Amino acid sequence: MSRPEHSPLIIDVAGAELTAADRRRLADPLVGGVIHFARNWQDSAQLTALNAEIKAIRPDLLISVDHEGGRVQRFRTDGFTRLPSMRTLGELWMDDPLHATQVATACGFVLASELRACGVDFSFTPVLDLDHGESSVIGDRSFHRDPRVVALLAKSLMHGLLLAGMGCCGKHFPGHGFVKADSHVAIPIDRRSLKAILADDAQPFRWLANTLSAVMPAHVIYPKVDVRPAGFSARWLQDVLRTRLAFDGAVFSDDLSMEAARRIDGRSLSYTDAALAALDAGCDLALLCNQSVGEGAPLDELLSGFAQAKRRGRWKPVAASEARRRALIPATPALPWDALLKTAAYRNAISSLVNL
């Protein structure tokens, strides 16, 4: 099968080892990467072997994970450092800003170097949402209420990621922290004006537009800007993010299995239609998570639907999107786990995280 110019789909695999169905899906040229979850983890040796098997099928696949620190950290045992929540770094800022930036860089370095030692290419971090004190799904995942503090701490954490050879993903554009509803189970609505959002929640995205590798939009509706959630809105992704903020990195959809992801214009969409809508709006890559367990019928439906959409001309590969995806794959080899533990850079970073 010839490879399309664009592999836009990010999917998951069922467990700690690949099944025959996993291997078949990963070989599909429409698949551009894998996102791991806690069920894919037993220990560092197993995760390393799993990722090596994935790369043996397709070396160009992007292996990713949601691994922020705090309550969103998929791997926590067998040597993985338990990283603090981002709110902890914001609290450090209030006492000593320079120390807080040092710790943020150490967090980023440890996070990325440990993941890369096990074969993970990319983590969906940092969270750039502001802590308005309203959102339960964001909460302590946010650095701070002040967008200036968020931007500076995020940039410090991103520097640590970069030192370990990993890119970064700012989320959830243009800001998820103001709304109470959890987009995993409901459709949050933020009724502020575009001017108000750009002057507050979207500021970290503007300040960091030239240094972020990727952005993930929010499954939130901002009705004074567009009736569609941001991840399905050309107004947000093309007019604001690409044009006004001049962002040129990769744009991922948030998880298309979430409640807010498949209700657009008052109707419920299939996974295929939701992914197509996200790409049409300006996303480069579409994520469908936690659908491989069992027979994985939703993933097969998505792959079949996309192949059909391509044949019928409903979807056309985008070369620029594929280039952005490939740019997220680390350009330098990772240190194996045992070698990493012996480096001064890693030991110094770990020492900065003691007592957090």
Protein backbone atom coordinates (compact mmCIF):
# COMPACT_ATOMS: atom_id res chain seq x y z
CA MET A 1 0.00 0.00 0.00
CA SER A 2 1.42 3.38 -0.94
CA ARG A 3 1.91 5.83 1.90
CA PRO A 4 -0.21 8.99 1.71
CA GLU A 5 1.47 12.36 2.01
CA HIS A 6 -0.19 12.74 5.42
CA SER A 7 -0.73 10.27 8.29
CA PRO A 8 -3.23 12.21 10.42
CA LEU A 9 -4.60 9.70 12.92
CA ILE A 10 -3.26 9.11 16.44
CA ILE A 11 -4.66 5.96 18.06
CA ASP A 12 -4.03 3.78 21.12
CA VAL A 13 -3.07 0.15 21.59
CA ALA A 14 -4.79 -2.36 23.80
CA GLY A 15 -2.28 -3.33 26.48
CA ALA A 16 1.28 -3.98 27.54
CA GLU A 17 2.03 -5.98 24.38
CA LEU A 18 0.84 -5.52 20.82
CA THR A 19 -2.01 -7.68 19.57
CA ALA A 20 -2.39 -8.76 15.97
CA ALA A 21 -5.09 -6.09 15.59
CA ASP A 22 -2.74 -3.43 17.01
CA ARG A 23 -0.05 -4.40 14.50
CA ARG A 24 -2.48 -4.28 11.60
CA ARG A 25 -3.72 -0.82 12.56
CA LEU A 26 -0.24 0.59 13.16
CA ALA A 27 0.83 -0.55 9.70
CA ASP A 28 -2.01 1.44 8.14
CA PRO A 29 -0.48 4.50 6.39
CA LEU A 30 -3.29 6.71 7.69
CA VAL A 31 -2.00 6.20 11.26
CA GLY A 32 0.64 8.72 12.30
CA GLY A 33 1.17 7.77 15.92
CA VAL A 34 0.23 6.10 19.18
CA ILE A 35 -0.89 7.56 22.50
CA HIS A 36 -0.19 5.44 25.58
CA PHE A 37 -2.18 5.13 28.80
CA ALA A 38 -1.57 3.55 32.20
CA ARG A 39 -2.82 0.18 30.90
CA ASN A 40 0.16 0.11 28.51
CA TRP A 41 2.58 0.19 31.46
CA GLN A 42 3.97 -2.59 33.62
CA ASP A 43 7.57 -1.51 34.07
CA SER A 44 10.27 0.36 32.19
CA ALA A 45 11.66 -2.75 30.45
CA GLN A 46 8.20 -3.73 29.19
CA LEU A 47 7.44 -0.19 27.97
CA THR A 48 10.78 -0.01 26.19
CA ALA A 49 10.09 -3.33 24.46
CA LEU A 50 6.55 -2.25 23.50
CA ASN A 51 7.82 0.96 21.94
CA ALA A 52 10.62 -0.86 20.10
CA GLU A 53 8.02 -3.19 18.61
CA ILE A 54 5.93 -0.20 17.50
CA LYS A 55 8.93 1.42 15.82
CA ALA A 56 9.81 -1.88 14.14
CA ILE A 57 6.45 -1.75 12.39
CA ARG A 58 6.81 1.90 11.38
CA PRO A 59 9.90 3.94 12.39
CA ASP A 60 8.05 7.16 11.52
CA LEU A 61 5.25 6.62 14.05
CA LEU A 62 5.08 9.25 16.81
CA ILE A 63 4.81 7.61 20.25
CA SER A 64 3.10 9.96 22.70
CA VAL A 65 1.55 10.11 26.14
CA ASP A 66 -0.31 12.49 28.45
CA HIS A 67 2.38 12.85 31.11
CA GLU A 68 2.23 16.28 32.78
CA GLY A 69 3.06 15.63 36.44
CA GLY A 70 0.66 15.75 39.37
CA ARG A 71 -2.53 13.77 38.82
CA VAL A 72 -1.93 13.41 35.08
CA GLN A 73 1.11 11.15 34.98
CA ARG A 74 0.67 7.79 33.31
CA PHE A 75 3.86 6.09 34.55
CA ARG A 76 4.72 6.41 38.25
CA THR A 77 6.66 3.30 39.31
CA ASP A 78 9.85 1.36 38.50
CA GLY A 79 12.11 4.41 38.59
CA PHE A 80 9.80 7.04 37.13
CA THR A 81 9.95 10.20 39.22
CA ARG A 82 6.66 11.39 40.68
CA LEU A 83 6.49 14.92 39.35
CA PRO A 84 4.70 17.76 41.14
CA SER A 85 1.51 19.35 39.87
CA MET A 86 1.92 22.55 37.92
CA ARG A 87 0.11 24.41 40.69
CA THR A 88 2.98 23.46 43.00
CA LEU A 89 5.34 25.31 40.67
CA GLY A 90 3.03 28.31 40.70
CA GLU A 91 3.08 28.31 44.49
CA LEU A 92 6.88 28.20 44.41
CA TRP A 93 6.79 31.24 42.13
CA MET A 94 4.99 33.25 44.80
CA ASP A 95 7.90 32.65 47.19
CA ASP A 96 10.88 32.70 44.81
CA PRO A 97 10.30 33.20 41.05
CA LEU A 98 13.83 32.28 39.97
CA HIS A 99 13.82 29.10 42.04
CA ALA A 100 10.43 28.21 40.54
CA THR A 101 11.76 28.54 36.99
CA GLN A 102 14.76 26.35 37.90
CA VAL A 103 12.44 23.66 39.29
CA ALA A 104 10.16 23.92 36.24
CA THR A 105 13.12 23.30 33.93
CA ALA A 106 14.18 20.33 36.07
CA CYS A 107 10.64 18.93 35.86
CA GLY A 108 10.67 19.21 32.09
CA PHE A 109 14.07 17.58 31.78
CA VAL A 110 13.24 14.67 34.09
CA LEU A 111 9.84 14.15 32.47
CA ALA A 112 11.25 14.04 28.95
CA SER A 113 14.47 12.14 29.64
CA GLU A 114 12.67 9.35 31.54
CA LEU A 115 10.03 8.99 28.83
CA ARG A 116 12.62 9.02 26.05
CA ALA A 117 14.70 6.38 27.87
CA CYS A 118 11.68 4.08 27.44
CA GLY A 119 11.08 4.98 23.80
CA VAL A 120 8.36 7.62 24.15
CA ASP A 121 8.84 10.49 21.70
CA PHE A 122 6.42 13.15 22.91
CA SER A 123 4.25 14.25 25.85
CA PHE A 124 1.16 16.44 25.69
CA THR A 125 2.45 19.10 28.07
CA PRO A 126 2.45 21.89 29.30
CA VAL A 127 -1.04 22.98 30.32
CA LEU A 128 -1.38 26.70 29.57
CA ASP A 129 -4.90 27.08 30.98
CA LEU A 130 -5.32 29.72 33.67
CA ASP A 131 -6.44 28.74 37.16
CA HIS A 132 -9.70 30.64 37.53
CA GLY A 133 -10.71 28.36 40.40
CA GLU A 134 -13.72 27.09 38.44
CA SER A 135 -12.62 24.08 36.38
CA SER A 136 -12.41 20.71 38.13
CA VAL A 137 -10.84 19.04 35.09
CA ILE A 138 -8.03 21.64 34.99
CA GLY A 139 -7.63 22.60 38.65
CA ASP A 140 -4.08 21.95 39.89
CA ARG A 141 -2.93 21.10 36.36
CA SER A 142 -2.66 24.87 35.85
CA PHE A 143 0.43 26.81 36.92
CA HIS A 144 -1.35 29.98 38.04
CA ARG A 145 -4.14 32.49 37.48
CA ASP A 146 -1.77 35.12 36.06
CA PRO A 147 -1.04 34.49 32.35
CA ARG A 148 2.43 36.01 32.76
CA VAL A 149 3.36 33.46 35.43
CA VAL A 150 1.87 30.64 33.35
CA ALA A 151 3.89 31.67 30.30
CA LEU A 152 7.19 31.99 32.15
CA LEU A 153 6.88 28.73 34.07
CA ALA A 154 5.70 26.91 30.95
CA LYS A 155 8.63 28.28 28.98
CA SER A 156 11.00 27.06 31.69
CA LEU A 157 9.42 23.59 31.64
CA MET A 158 9.59 23.58 27.83
CA HIS A 159 13.30 24.39 28.07
CA GLY A 160 13.78 21.26 30.16
CA LEU A 161 11.88 19.18 27.60
CA LEU A 162 14.05 20.61 24.84
CA LEU A 163 17.26 19.83 26.73
CA ALA A 164 16.15 16.18 26.71
CA GLY A 165 15.30 16.33 23.00
CA MET A 166 11.52 16.42 23.29
CA GLY A 167 8.98 18.83 21.83
CA CYS A 168 6.01 20.31 23.70
CA CYS A 169 2.28 20.82 23.32
CA GLY A 170 0.47 23.81 24.82
CA LYS A 171 -3.10 23.04 25.78
CA HIS A 172 -6.03 23.77 25.71
CA PHE A 173 -6.25 26.68 23.23
CA PRO A 174 -7.59 29.35 23.73
CA GLY A 175 -8.13 28.39 27.39
CA HIS A 176 -10.20 25.82 29.31
CA GLY A 177 -9.76 27.17 32.84
CA PHE A 178 -12.70 29.59 32.92
CA VAL A 179 -15.50 27.02 32.48
CA LYS A 180 -16.76 24.57 35.10
CA ALA A 181 -17.97 21.73 32.88
CA ASP A 182 -15.67 18.80 32.10
CA SER A 183 -15.48 18.32 28.32
CA HIS A 184 -14.96 14.57 28.81
CA VAL A 185 -18.63 14.28 29.80
CA ALA A 186 -20.29 17.59 28.82
CA ILE A 187 -19.94 20.54 26.45
CA PRO A 188 -18.46 23.53 28.30
CA ILE A 189 -19.55 26.99 27.13
CA ASP A 190 -17.46 30.12 27.70
CA ARG A 191 -19.57 33.20 26.95
CA ARG A 192 -16.78 35.78 27.05
CA SER A 193 -15.92 37.93 24.07
CA LEU A 194 -12.96 37.30 21.76
CA LYS A 195 -11.34 40.47 23.09
CA ALA A 196 -11.64 39.29 26.71
CA ILE A 197 -10.23 35.83 25.94
CA LEU A 198 -7.31 37.16 23.90
CA ALA A 199 -6.44 39.62 26.67
CA ASP A 200 -6.35 36.92 29.35
CA ASP A 201 -6.51 33.14 28.77
CA ALA A 202 -5.01 33.15 25.27
CA GLN A 203 -2.02 35.29 26.24
CA PRO A 204 0.32 32.38 27.06
CA PHE A 205 -0.37 30.94 23.61
CA ARG A 206 0.46 34.30 22.02
CA TRP A 207 3.67 34.78 24.02
CA LEU A 208 4.84 31.21 23.37
CA ALA A 209 3.65 30.88 19.75
CA ASN A 210 7.20 30.84 18.40
CA THR A 211 8.48 28.21 20.85
CA LEU A 212 5.61 25.73 21.14
CA SER A 213 6.04 22.61 19.00
CA ALA A 214 2.32 21.85 19.06
CA VAL A 215 -1.01 23.11 20.36
CA MET A 216 -4.13 21.23 21.41
CA PRO A 217 -7.41 23.19 21.25
CA ALA A 218 -10.12 22.97 23.89
CA HIS A 219 -13.36 21.07 23.44
CA VAL A 220 -15.11 24.27 24.59
CA ILE A 221 -17.65 26.42 22.74
CA TYR A 222 -17.05 30.18 22.78
CA PRO A 223 -20.37 31.32 21.23
CA LYS A 224 -19.38 34.96 20.84
CA VAL A 225 -16.61 33.74 18.51
CA ASP A 226 -18.01 30.57 16.91
CA VAL A 227 -20.84 28.12 17.57
CA ARG A 228 -18.42 25.20 17.16
CA PRO A 229 -15.94 24.00 19.81
CA ALA A 230 -12.48 25.49 19.28
CA GLY A 231 -11.05 22.23 17.95
CA PHE A 232 -13.60 22.27 15.12
CA SER A 233 -13.51 26.00 14.44
CA ALA A 234 -11.65 27.47 11.48
CA ARG A 235 -12.18 30.85 13.11
CA TRP A 236 -10.14 29.79 16.14
CA LEU A 237 -7.57 27.57 14.46
CA GLN A 238 -6.93 29.43 11.23
CA ASP A 239 -7.96 33.05 11.81
CA VAL A 240 -6.78 33.37 15.42
CA LEU A 241 -4.12 30.71 16.07
CA ARG A 242 -2.44 30.54 12.66
CA THR A 243 -2.96 34.11 11.42
CA ARG A 244 -3.28 36.41 14.42
CA LEU A 245 -0.90 34.52 16.73
CA ALA A 246 1.36 33.33 13.86
CA PHE A 247 1.63 29.78 15.23
CA ASP A 248 3.21 27.37 12.74
CA GLY A 249 3.57 24.15 14.73
CA ALA A 250 1.36 21.07 14.80
CA VAL A 251 -2.26 21.26 15.93
CA PHE A 252 -3.73 18.14 17.55
CA SER A 253 -7.42 17.63 18.13
CA ASP A 254 -8.26 16.71 21.70
CA ASP A 255 -9.57 13.18 22.20
CA LEU A 256 -12.44 12.59 19.76
CA SER A 257 -14.02 10.06 22.11
CA MET A 258 -14.89 12.87 24.56
CA GLU A 259 -18.52 13.99 24.84
CA ALA A 260 -17.81 17.50 23.58
CA ALA A 261 -15.93 16.19 20.56
CA ARG A 262 -18.73 14.67 18.56
CA ARG A 263 -21.59 17.14 19.03
CA ILE A 264 -21.16 19.82 16.41
CA ASP A 265 -23.85 22.18 15.15
CA GLY A 266 -26.37 20.40 17.37
CA ARG A 267 -25.82 16.91 15.97
CA SER A 268 -23.82 13.88 17.05
CA LEU A 269 -21.08 12.83 14.63
CA SER A 270 -19.41 9.51 13.97
CA TYR A 271 -15.72 9.23 14.85
CA THR A 272 -14.83 9.55 11.17
CA ASP A 273 -16.95 12.65 10.67
CA ALA A 274 -15.57 14.21 13.85
CA ALA A 275 -11.98 13.59 12.74
CA LEU A 276 -12.70 14.98 9.28
CA ALA A 277 -14.33 18.06 10.83
CA ALA A 278 -11.28 18.65 13.04
CA LEU A 279 -8.89 18.40 10.07
CA ASP A 280 -11.13 20.59 7.90
CA ALA A 281 -11.08 23.26 10.62
CA GLY A 282 -7.28 23.34 10.74
CA CYS A 283 -6.03 20.46 12.92
CA ASP A 284 -3.07 18.55 11.53
CA LEU A 285 -3.69 15.42 13.60
CA ALA A 286 -6.77 13.78 15.11
CA LEU A 287 -6.68 11.71 18.30
CA LEU A 288 -9.07 8.88 19.07
CA CYS A 289 -8.26 7.42 22.48
CA ASN A 290 -9.20 4.34 24.50
CA GLN A 291 -10.95 2.54 21.66
CA SER A 292 -8.57 -0.39 21.14
CA VAL A 293 -9.70 -2.35 24.21
CA GLY A 294 -11.86 -5.33 23.25
CA GLU A 295 -12.26 -5.74 19.52
CA GLY A 296 -11.42 -2.11 18.76
CA ALA A 297 -14.31 -1.67 16.34
CA PRO A 298 -14.30 2.17 16.58
CA LEU A 299 -10.67 2.27 15.39
CA ASP A 300 -11.40 -0.02 12.46
CA GLU A 301 -14.44 2.08 11.62
CA LEU A 302 -12.29 5.23 11.68
CA LEU A 303 -9.59 3.74 9.45
CA SER A 304 -12.14 2.41 6.99
CA GLY A 305 -14.07 5.67 6.98
CA PHE A 306 -10.92 7.72 6.34
CA ALA A 307 -9.79 5.47 3.52
CA GLN A 308 -13.20 5.85 1.93
CA ALA A 309 -13.14 9.63 2.45
CA LYS A 310 -9.76 9.78 0.71
CA ARG A 311 -10.99 7.71 -2.25
CA ARG A 312 -14.04 9.94 -2.66
CA GLY A 313 -12.03 13.16 -2.38
CA ARG A 314 -13.73 14.15 0.86
CA TRP A 315 -10.31 14.32 2.54
CA LYS A 316 -7.03 15.23 0.88
CA PRO A 317 -3.62 14.72 2.50
CA VAL A 318 -1.84 17.91 3.55
CA ALA A 319 1.94 17.86 3.09
CA ALA A 320 2.51 20.68 5.59
CA SER A 321 0.61 18.75 8.26
CA GLU A 322 2.72 15.68 7.67
CA ALA A 323 5.90 17.76 7.96
CA ARG A 324 4.67 19.14 11.29
CA ARG A 325 3.96 15.61 12.56
CA ARG A 326 7.39 14.33 11.59
CA ALA A 327 9.04 17.37 13.20
CA LEU A 328 7.76 16.14 16.59
CA ILE A 329 9.80 12.93 16.39
CA PRO A 330 13.07 13.50 18.32
CA ALA A 331 16.06 14.19 16.10
CA THR A 332 18.63 12.87 18.59
CA PRO A 333 18.99 9.37 20.08
CA ALA A 334 17.79 8.88 23.64
CA LEU A 335 19.99 7.67 26.47
CA PRO A 336 19.05 4.20 27.75
CA TRP A 337 17.70 4.16 31.30
CA ASP A 338 20.86 2.96 33.06
CA ALA A 339 23.05 5.45 31.20
CA LEU A 340 20.60 8.28 31.94
CA LEU A 341 20.77 7.67 35.69
CA LYS A 342 24.54 8.19 35.65
CA THR A 343 24.50 11.60 33.97
CA ALA A 344 25.20 14.75 35.97
CA ALA A 345 22.37 16.59 34.20
CA TYR A 346 19.79 14.04 35.34
CA ARG A 347 21.13 13.81 38.89
CA ASN A 348 21.15 17.60 39.21
CA ALA A 349 17.59 17.85 37.93
CA ILE A 350 16.41 15.17 40.37
CA SER A 351 18.07 17.04 43.25
CA SER A 352 16.04 20.15 42.34
CA LEU A 353 12.82 18.18 42.82
CA VAL A 354 13.56 16.85 46.29
CA ASN A 355 10.98 17.84 48.95
CA LEU A 356 8.37 19.05 46.47
